[in-house]
């Protein structure tokens, strides 16, 4: 008997929750769906930080490539005079 009552209560709760969830998502001009699709402020902030980091990494890559080109050019020139060292500014 107790199991039957428990089962009945669970069915009622499930049906009520199901209708409540559907009403929340689909009712009120779809506001619930918009809430689900919005990014949280924390996610937006992380995305902005990743974008900045990505930009910085690309700039760093270009700078390192330029330095490596200068080093390679210096090594292939065969210059041994200390006065002619390329400054890597």
PDB file of N, CA and C in Angstrom:
ATOM      1  N   UNK A   1       0.816  -1.191   0.000  1.00  0.00           N
ATOM      2  CA  UNK A   1       0.000   0.000   0.000  1.00  0.00           C
ATOM      3  C   UNK A   1       0.861   1.258   0.000  1.00  0.00           C
ATOM      4  N   UNK A   2       1.924   1.252   0.812  1.00  0.00           N
ATOM      5  CA  UNK A   2       2.819   2.413   0.885  1.00  0.00           C
ATOM      6  C   UNK A   2       3.504   2.655  -0.452  1.00  0.00           C
ATOM      7  N   UNK A   3       3.885   1.568  -1.143  1.00  0.00           N
ATOM      8  CA  UNK A   3       4.523   1.719  -2.456  1.00  0.00           C
ATOM      9  C   UNK A   3       3.556   2.315  -3.474  1.00  0.00           C
ATOM     10  N   UNK A   4       2.304   1.920  -3.389  1.00  0.00           N
ATOM     11  CA  UNK A   4       1.291   2.464  -4.298  1.00  0.00           C
ATOM     12  C   UNK A   4       1.124   3.970  -4.073  1.00  0.00           C
ATOM     13  N   UNK A   5       1.076   4.392  -2.840  1.00  0.00           N
ATOM     14  CA  UNK A   5       0.951   5.823  -2.511  1.00  0.00           C
ATOM     15  C   UNK A   5       2.185   6.575  -2.995  1.00  0.00           C
ATOM     16  N   UNK A   6       3.345   6.016  -2.757  1.00  0.00           N
ATOM     17  CA  UNK A   6       4.593   6.642  -3.213  1.00  0.00           C
ATOM     18  C   UNK A   6       4.596   6.776  -4.729  1.00  0.00           C
ATOM     19  N   UNK A   7       4.202   5.730  -5.437  1.00  0.00           N
ATOM     20  CA  UNK A   7       4.134   5.758  -6.890  1.00  0.00           C
ATOM     21  C   UNK A   7       3.157   6.819  -7.380  1.00  0.00           C
ATOM     22  N   UNK A   8       2.014   6.902  -6.741  1.00  0.00           N
ATOM     23  CA  UNK A   8       1.000   7.895  -7.117  1.00  0.00           C
ATOM     24  C   UNK A   8       1.510   9.317  -6.898  1.00  0.00           C
ATOM     25  N   UNK A   9       2.177   9.537  -5.792  1.00  0.00           N
ATOM     26  CA  UNK A   9       2.721  10.872  -5.498  1.00  0.00           C
ATOM     27  C   UNK A   9       3.788  11.233  -6.534  1.00  0.00           C
ATOM     28  N   UNK A  10       4.651  10.283  -6.875  1.00  0.00           N
ATOM     29  CA  UNK A  10       5.690  10.556  -7.866  1.00  0.00           C
ATOM     30  C   UNK A  10       5.077  10.891  -9.224  1.00  0.00           C
ATOM     31  N   UNK A  11       4.037  10.166  -9.609  1.00  0.00           N
ATOM     32  CA  UNK A  11       3.374  10.461 -10.884  1.00  0.00           C
ATOM     33  C   UNK A  11       2.774  11.861 -10.898  1.00  0.00           C
ATOM     34  N   UNK A  12       2.132  12.249  -9.817  1.00  0.00           N
ATOM     35  CA  UNK A  12       1.533  13.581  -9.734  1.00  0.00           C
ATOM     36  C   UNK A  12       2.617  14.656  -9.813  1.00  0.00           C
ATOM     37  N   UNK A  13       3.706  14.446  -9.063  1.00  0.00           N
ATOM     38  CA  UNK A  13       4.802  15.417  -9.067  1.00  0.00           C
ATOM     39  C   UNK A  13       5.429  15.507 -10.449  1.00  0.00           C
ATOM     40  N   UNK A  14       5.660  14.346 -11.087  1.00  0.00           N
ATOM     41  CA  UNK A  14       6.256  14.342 -12.421  1.00  0.00           C
ATOM     42  C   UNK A  14       5.380  15.089 -13.423  1.00  0.00           C
ATOM     43  N   UNK A  15       4.083  14.838 -13.390  1.00  0.00           N
ATOM     44  CA  UNK A  15       3.175  15.505 -14.327  1.00  0.00           C
ATOM     45  C   UNK A  15       3.132  17.006 -14.063  1.00  0.00           C
ATOM     46  N   UNK A  16       3.070  17.382 -12.795  1.00  0.00           N
ATOM     47  CA  UNK A  16       3.042  18.810 -12.457  1.00  0.00           C
ATOM     48  C   UNK A  16       4.351  19.484 -12.859  1.00  0.00           C
ATOM     49  N   UNK A  17       5.463  18.818 -12.575  1.00  0.00           N
ATOM     50  CA  UNK A  17       6.755  19.397 -12.939  1.00  0.00           C
ATOM     51  C   UNK A  17       6.912  19.501 -14.448  1.00  0.00           C
ATOM     52  N   UNK A  18       6.447  18.484 -15.149  1.00  0.00           N
ATOM     53  CA  UNK A  18       6.540  18.508 -16.601  1.00  0.00           C
ATOM     54  C   UNK A  18       5.760  19.684 -17.176  1.00  0.00           C
ATOM     55  N   UNK A  19       4.529  19.856 -16.718  1.00  0.00           N
ATOM     56  CA  UNK A  19       3.721  20.969 -17.218  1.00  0.00           C
ATOM     57  C   UNK A  19       4.313  22.309 -16.794  1.00  0.00           C
ATOM     58  N   UNK A  20       4.876  22.360 -15.602  1.00  0.00           N
ATOM     59  CA  UNK A  20       5.506  23.596 -15.128  1.00  0.00           C
ATOM     60  C   UNK A  20       6.719  23.962 -15.989  1.00  0.00           C
ATOM     61  N   UNK A  21       7.529  22.967 -16.293  1.00  0.00           N
ATOM     62  CA  UNK A  21       8.722  23.203 -17.118  1.00  0.00           C
ATOM     63  C   UNK A  21       8.321  23.637 -18.525  1.00  0.00           C
ATOM     64  N   UNK A  22       7.348  22.951 -19.111  1.00  0.00           N
ATOM     65  CA  UNK A  22       6.885  23.315 -20.449  1.00  0.00           C
ATOM     66  C   UNK A  22       6.325  24.730 -20.445  1.00  0.00           C
ATOM     67  N   UNK A  23       5.538  25.076 -19.442  1.00  0.00           N
ATOM     68  CA  UNK A  23       4.982  26.437 -19.358  1.00  0.00           C
ATOM     69  C   UNK A  23       6.089  27.473 -19.199  1.00  0.00           C
ATOM     70  N   UNK A  24       7.105  27.149 -18.431  1.00  0.00           N
ATOM     71  CA  UNK A  24       8.209  28.083 -18.203  1.00  0.00           C
ATOM     72  C   UNK A  24       9.004  28.315 -19.484  1.00  0.00           C
ATOM     73  N   UNK A  25       9.222  27.234 -20.236  1.00  0.00           N
ATOM     74  CA  UNK A  25      10.018  27.350 -21.455  1.00  0.00           C
ATOM     75  C   UNK A  25       9.234  27.941 -22.622  1.00  0.00           C
ATOM     76  N   UNK A  26       8.007  27.506 -22.779  1.00  0.00           N
ATOM     77  CA  UNK A  26       7.243  27.912 -23.954  1.00  0.00           C
ATOM     78  C   UNK A  26       6.302  29.079 -23.693  1.00  0.00           C
ATOM     79  N   UNK A  27       5.927  29.287 -22.464  1.00  0.00           N
ATOM     80  CA  UNK A  27       4.990  30.353 -22.143  1.00  0.00           C
ATOM     81  C   UNK A  27       5.674  31.701 -22.081  1.00  0.00           C
ATOM     82  N   UNK A  28       4.913  32.719 -21.928  1.00  0.00           N
ATOM     83  CA  UNK A  28       5.390  34.103 -21.770  1.00  0.00           C
ATOM     84  C   UNK A  28       6.330  34.510 -22.907  1.00  0.00           C
ATOM     85  N   UNK A  29       5.868  34.339 -24.130  1.00  0.00           N
ATOM     86  CA  UNK A  29       6.621  34.765 -25.323  1.00  0.00           C
ATOM     87  C   UNK A  29       7.983  34.089 -25.450  1.00  0.00           C
ATOM     88  N   UNK A  30       8.112  32.899 -24.968  1.00  0.00           N
ATOM     89  CA  UNK A  30       9.375  32.167 -25.112  1.00  0.00           C
ATOM     90  C   UNK A  30      10.508  32.715 -24.281  1.00  0.00           C
ATOM     91  N   UNK A  31      10.200  33.428 -23.234  1.00  0.00           N
ATOM     92  CA  UNK A  31      11.237  34.031 -22.397  1.00  0.00           C
ATOM     93  C   UNK A  31      12.154  33.016 -21.762  1.00  0.00           C
ATOM     94  N   UNK A  32      11.602  31.853 -21.441  1.00  0.00           N
ATOM     95  CA  UNK A  32      12.415  30.800 -20.840  1.00  0.00           C
ATOM     96  C   UNK A  32      13.484  30.294 -21.791  1.00  0.00           C
ATOM     97  N   UNK A  33      13.114  30.158 -23.061  1.00  0.00           N
ATOM     98  CA  UNK A  33      14.085  29.715 -24.062  1.00  0.00           C
ATOM     99  C   UNK A  33      15.192  30.749 -24.221  1.00  0.00           C
ATOM    100  N   UNK A  34      14.837  32.008 -24.208  1.00  0.00           N
ATOM    101  CA  UNK A  34      15.845  33.061 -24.327  1.00  0.00           C
ATOM    102  C   UNK A  34      16.822  33.008 -23.160  1.00  0.00           C
ATOM    103  N   UNK A  35      16.283  32.740 -21.974  1.00  0.00           N
ATOM    104  CA  UNK A  35      17.142  32.635 -20.793  1.00  0.00           C
ATOM    105  C   UNK A  35      18.124  31.490 -20.944  1.00  0.00           C
ATOM    106  N   UNK A  36      17.658  30.368 -21.478  1.00  0.00           N
ATOM    107  CA  UNK A  36      18.530  29.213 -21.657  1.00  0.00           C
ATOM    108  C   UNK A  36      19.630  29.483 -22.681  1.00  0.00           C
ATOM    109  N   UNK A  37      19.310  30.284 -23.679  1.00  0.00           N
ATOM    110  CA  UNK A  37      20.266  30.538 -24.754  1.00  0.00           C
ATOM    111  C   UNK A  37      21.233  31.681 -24.452  1.00  0.00           C
ATOM    112  N   UNK A  38      20.928  32.495 -23.461  1.00  0.00           N
ATOM    113  CA  UNK A  38      21.822  33.598 -23.096  1.00  0.00           C
ATOM    114  C   UNK A  38      23.082  33.068 -22.439  1.00  0.00           C
ATOM    115  N   UNK A  39      24.203  33.717 -22.755  1.00  0.00           N
ATOM    116  CA  UNK A  39      25.454  33.363 -22.089  1.00  0.00           C
ATOM    117  C   UNK A  39      25.528  34.085 -20.753  1.00  0.00           C
ATOM    118  N   UNK A  40      26.048  33.410 -19.777  1.00  0.00           N
ATOM    119  CA  UNK A  40      26.182  34.037 -18.469  1.00  0.00           C
ATOM    120  C   UNK A  40      27.316  35.065 -18.525  1.00  0.00           C
ATOM    121  N   UNK A  41      27.301  36.051 -17.629  1.00  0.00           N
ATOM    122  CA  UNK A  41      28.371  37.058 -17.621  1.00  0.00           C
ATOM    123  C   UNK A  41      29.758  36.435 -17.451  1.00  0.00           C
ATOM    124  N   UNK A  42      29.842  35.357 -16.694  1.00  0.00           N
ATOM    125  CA  UNK A  42      31.126  34.703 -16.488  1.00  0.00           C
ATOM    126  C   UNK A  42      31.646  34.110 -17.802  1.00  0.00           C
ATOM    127  N   UNK A  43      30.760  33.519 -18.595  1.00  0.00           N
ATOM    128  CA  UNK A  43      31.166  32.940 -19.877  1.00  0.00           C
ATOM    129  C   UNK A  43      31.588  34.040 -20.837  1.00  0.00           C
ATOM    130  N   UNK A  44      30.871  35.144 -20.843  1.00  0.00           N
ATOM    131  CA  UNK A  44      31.214  36.268 -21.714  1.00  0.00           C
ATOM    132  C   UNK A  44      32.590  36.813 -21.344  1.00  0.00           C
ATOM    133  N   UNK A  45      32.865  36.942 -20.051  1.00  0.00           N
ATOM    134  CA  UNK A  45      34.162  37.451 -19.599  1.00  0.00           C
ATOM    135  C   UNK A  45      35.289  36.505 -20.016  1.00  0.00           C
ATOM    136  N   UNK A  46      35.093  35.211 -19.844  1.00  0.00           N
ATOM    137  CA  UNK A  46      36.111  34.241 -20.233  1.00  0.00           C
ATOM    138  C   UNK A  46      36.359  34.295 -21.731  1.00  0.00           C
ATOM    139  N   UNK A  47      35.307  34.453 -22.510  1.00  0.00           N
ATOM    140  CA  UNK A  47      35.435  34.543 -23.958  1.00  0.00           C
ATOM    141  C   UNK A  47      36.253  35.772 -24.345  1.00  0.00           C
ATOM    142  N   UNK A  48      36.008  36.891 -23.680  1.00  0.00           N
ATOM    143  CA  UNK A  48      36.758  38.115 -23.963  1.00  0.00           C
ATOM    144  C   UNK A  48      38.226  37.948 -23.597  1.00  0.00           C
ATOM    145  N   UNK A  49      38.506  37.296 -22.454  1.00  0.00           N
ATOM    146  CA  UNK A  49      39.897  37.071 -22.058  1.00  0.00           C
ATOM    147  C   UNK A  49      40.595  36.156 -23.048  1.00  0.00           C
ATOM    148  N   UNK A  50      39.911  35.115 -23.516  1.00  0.00           N
ATOM    149  CA  UNK A  50      40.502  34.212 -24.500  1.00  0.00           C
ATOM    150  C   UNK A  50      40.785  34.936 -25.812  1.00  0.00           C
ATOM    151  N   UNK A  51      39.896  35.822 -26.203  1.00  0.00           N
ATOM    152  CA  UNK A  51      40.096  36.591 -27.432  1.00  0.00           C
ATOM    153  C   UNK A  51      41.326  37.485 -27.303  1.00  0.00           C
ATOM    154  N   UNK A  52      41.461  38.148 -26.142  1.00  0.00           N
ATOM    155  CA  UNK A  52      42.642  38.994 -25.923  1.00  0.00           C
ATOM    156  C   UNK A  52      43.916  38.166 -25.912  1.00  0.00           C
ATOM    157  N   UNK A  53      43.877  37.007 -25.258  1.00  0.00           N
ATOM    158  CA  UNK A  53      45.054  36.136 -25.206  1.00  0.00           C
ATOM    159  C   UNK A  53      45.423  35.643 -26.598  1.00  0.00           C
ATOM    160  N   UNK A  54      44.431  35.302 -27.376  1.00  0.00           N
ATOM    161  CA  UNK A  54      44.672  34.838 -28.737  1.00  0.00           C
ATOM    162  C   UNK A  54      45.331  35.926 -29.573  1.00  0.00           C
ATOM    163  N   UNK A  55      44.854  37.149 -29.433  1.00  0.00           N
ATOM    164  CA  UNK A  55      45.429  38.287 -30.166  1.00  0.00           C
ATOM    165  C   UNK A  55      46.883  38.495 -29.743  1.00  0.00           C
ATOM    166  N   UNK A  56      47.155  38.443 -28.444  1.00  0.00           N
ATOM    167  CA  UNK A  56      48.508  38.623 -27.935  1.00  0.00           C
ATOM    168  C   UNK A  56      49.432  37.517 -28.441  1.00  0.00           C
ATOM    169  N   UNK A  57      48.938  36.282 -28.470  1.00  0.00           N
ATOM    170  CA  UNK A  57      49.749  35.173 -28.973  1.00  0.00           C
ATOM    171  C   UNK A  57      50.081  35.347 -30.452  1.00  0.00           C
ATOM    172  N   UNK A  58      49.136  35.824 -31.234  1.00  0.00           N
ATOM    173  CA  UNK A  58      49.403  36.062 -32.658  1.00  0.00           C
ATOM    174  C   UNK A  58      50.456  37.145 -32.836  1.00  0.00           C
ATOM    175  N   UNK A  59      50.349  38.229 -32.056  1.00  0.00           N
ATOM    176  CA  UNK A  59      51.346  39.303 -32.132  1.00  0.00           C
ATOM    177  C   UNK A  59      52.722  38.784 -31.714  1.00  0.00           C
ATOM    178  N   UNK A  60      52.754  37.980 -30.654  1.00  0.00           N
ATOM    179  CA  UNK A  60      54.018  37.424 -30.174  1.00  0.00           C
ATOM    180  C   UNK A  60      54.638  36.517 -31.225  1.00  0.00           C
ATOM    181  N   UNK A  61      53.810  35.745 -31.909  1.00  0.00           N
ATOM    182  CA  UNK A  61      54.295  34.857 -32.957  1.00  0.00           C
ATOM    183  C   UNK A  61      54.989  35.648 -34.056  1.00  0.00           C
ATOM    184  N   UNK A  62      54.396  36.765 -34.452  1.00  0.00           N
ATOM    185  CA  UNK A  62      54.983  37.601 -35.494  1.00  0.00           C
ATOM    186  C   UNK A  62      56.315  38.199 -35.039  1.00  0.00           C
ATOM    187  N   UNK A  63      56.378  38.624 -33.786  1.00  0.00           N
ATOM    188  CA  UNK A  63      57.605  39.212 -33.253  1.00  0.00           C
ATOM    189  C   UNK A  63      58.715  38.171 -33.184  1.00  0.00           C
ATOM    190  N   UNK A  64      58.370  36.977 -32.697  1.00  0.00           N
ATOM    191  CA  UNK A  64      59.375  35.913 -32.599  1.00  0.00           C
ATOM    192  C   UNK A  64      59.853  35.517 -33.994  1.00  0.00           C
ATOM    193  N   UNK A  65      58.955  35.459 -34.963  1.00  0.00           N
ATOM    194  CA  UNK A  65      59.343  35.127 -36.333  1.00  0.00           C
ATOM    195  C   UNK A  65      60.311  36.169 -36.883  1.00  0.00           C
ATOM    196  N   UNK A  66      60.051  37.444 -36.593  1.00  0.00           N
ATOM    197  CA  UNK A  66      60.949  38.509 -37.059  1.00  0.00           C
ATOM    198  C   UNK A  66      62.318  38.374 -36.406  1.00  0.00           C
ATOM    199  N   UNK A  67      62.355  38.068 -35.132  1.00  0.00           N
ATOM    200  CA  UNK A  67      63.631  37.889 -34.430  1.00  0.00           C
ATOM    201  C   UNK A  67      64.389  36.702 -35.013  1.00  0.00           C
ATOM    202  N   UNK A  68      63.677  35.606 -35.238  1.00  0.00           N
ATOM    203  CA  UNK A  68      64.323  34.416 -35.811  1.00  0.00           C
ATOM    204  C   UNK A  68      64.877  34.712 -37.203  1.00  0.00           C
ATOM    205  N   UNK A  69      64.161  35.504 -37.991  1.00  0.00           N
ATOM    206  CA  UNK A  69      64.660  35.885 -39.314  1.00  0.00           C
ATOM    207  C   UNK A  69      65.954  36.684 -39.200  1.00  0.00           C
ATOM    208  N   UNK A  70      65.999  37.615 -38.242  1.00  0.00           N
ATOM    209  CA  UNK A  70      67.209  38.413 -38.036  1.00  0.00           C
ATOM    210  C   UNK A  70      68.374  37.537 -37.600  1.00  0.00           C
ATOM    211  N   UNK A  71      68.108  36.598 -36.700  1.00  0.00           N
ATOM    212  CA  UNK A  71      69.157  35.699 -36.224  1.00  0.00           C
ATOM    213  C   UNK A  71      69.658  34.834 -37.373  1.00  0.00           C
ATOM    214  N   UNK A  72      68.750  34.301 -38.170  1.00  0.00           N
ATOM    215  CA  UNK A  72      69.139  33.459 -39.300  1.00  0.00           C
ATOM    216  C   UNK A  72      69.945  34.264 -40.313  1.00  0.00           C
ATOM    217  N   UNK A  73      69.544  35.498 -40.560  1.00  0.00           N
ATOM    218  CA  UNK A  73      70.274  36.348 -41.510  1.00  0.00           C
ATOM    219  C   UNK A  73      71.671  36.647 -40.980  1.00  0.00           C
ATOM    220  N   UNK A  74      71.782  36.864 -39.696  1.00  0.00           N
ATOM    221  CA  UNK A  74      73.089  37.151 -39.093  1.00  0.00           C
ATOM    222  C   UNK A  74      73.988  35.931 -39.189  1.00  0.00           C
ATOM    223  N   UNK A  75      73.443  34.746 -38.891  1.00  0.00           N
ATOM    224  CA  UNK A  75      74.240  33.523 -38.920  1.00  0.00           C
ATOM    225  C   UNK A  75      74.708  33.190 -40.327  1.00  0.00           C
ATOM    226  N   UNK A  76      73.890  33.457 -41.330  1.00  0.00           N
ATOM    227  CA  UNK A  76      74.276  33.131 -42.706  1.00  0.00           C
ATOM    228  C   UNK A  76      75.173  34.188 -43.318  1.00  0.00           C
ATOM    229  N   UNK A  77      75.258  35.364 -42.713  1.00  0.00           N
ATOM    230  CA  UNK A  77      76.102  36.421 -43.287  1.00  0.00           C
ATOM    231  C   UNK A  77      77.571  36.153 -43.022  1.00  0.00           C
ATOM    232  N   UNK A  78      77.884  35.374 -42.004  1.00  0.00           N
ATOM    233  CA  UNK A  78      79.274  35.049 -41.711  1.00  0.00           C
ATOM    234  C   UNK A  78      80.046  36.190 -41.077  1.00  0.00           C
ATOM    235  N   UNK A  79      79.376  37.198 -40.606  1.00  0.00           N
ATOM    236  CA  UNK A  79      80.034  38.335 -39.993  1.00  0.00           C
ATOM    237  C   UNK A  79      80.518  37.920 -38.605  1.00  0.00           C
ATOM    238  N   UNK A  80      81.800  38.214 -38.313  1.00  0.00           N
ATOM    239  CA  UNK A  80      82.343  37.848 -37.008  1.00  0.00           C
ATOM    240  C   UNK A  80      82.711  39.064 -36.184  1.00  0.00           C
ATOM    241  N   UNK A  81      82.614  40.232 -36.728  1.00  0.00           N
ATOM    242  CA  UNK A  81      82.955  41.455 -36.038  1.00  0.00           C
ATOM    243  C   UNK A  81      81.890  41.760 -34.973  1.00  0.00           C
ATOM    244  N   UNK A  82      82.298  41.984 -33.741  1.00  0.00           N
ATOM    245  CA  UNK A  82      81.346  42.270 -32.664  1.00  0.00           C
ATOM    246  C   UNK A  82      80.568  43.560 -32.905  1.00  0.00           C
ATOM    247  N   UNK A  83      81.135  44.478 -33.642  1.00  0.00           N
ATOM    248  CA  UNK A  83      80.468  45.762 -33.900  1.00  0.00           C
ATOM    249  C   UNK A  83      79.245  45.596 -34.807  1.00  0.00           C
ATOM    250  N   UNK A  84      79.200  44.515 -35.575  1.00  0.00           N
ATOM    251  CA  UNK A  84      78.129  44.377 -36.566  1.00  0.00           C
ATOM    252  C   UNK A  84      76.994  43.474 -36.089  1.00  0.00           C
ATOM    253  N   UNK A  85      76.895  43.233 -34.775  1.00  0.00           N
ATOM    254  CA  UNK A  85      75.808  42.407 -34.249  1.00  0.00           C
ATOM    255  C   UNK A  85      74.473  43.134 -34.452  1.00  0.00           C
ATOM    256  N   UNK A  86      73.509  42.398 -34.946  1.00  0.00           N
ATOM    257  CA  UNK A  86      72.166  42.966 -35.189  1.00  0.00           C
ATOM    258  C   UNK A  86      71.480  43.182 -33.860  1.00  0.00           C
ATOM    259  N   UNK A  87      70.960  44.369 -33.654  1.00  0.00           N
ATOM    260  CA  UNK A  87      70.214  44.662 -32.453  1.00  0.00           C
ATOM    261  C   UNK A  87      68.787  44.201 -32.641  1.00  0.00           C
ATOM    262  N   UNK A  88      68.287  43.443 -31.696  1.00  0.00           N
ATOM    263  CA  UNK A  88      66.961  42.860 -31.803  1.00  0.00           C
ATOM    264  C   UNK A  88      65.930  43.709 -31.070  1.00  0.00           C
ATOM    265  N   UNK A  89      65.787  44.940 -31.465  1.00  0.00           N
ATOM    266  CA  UNK A  89      64.842  45.853 -30.821  1.00  0.00           C
ATOM    267  C   UNK A  89      63.477  45.688 -31.420  1.00  0.00           C
TER     268      UNK A  89
END
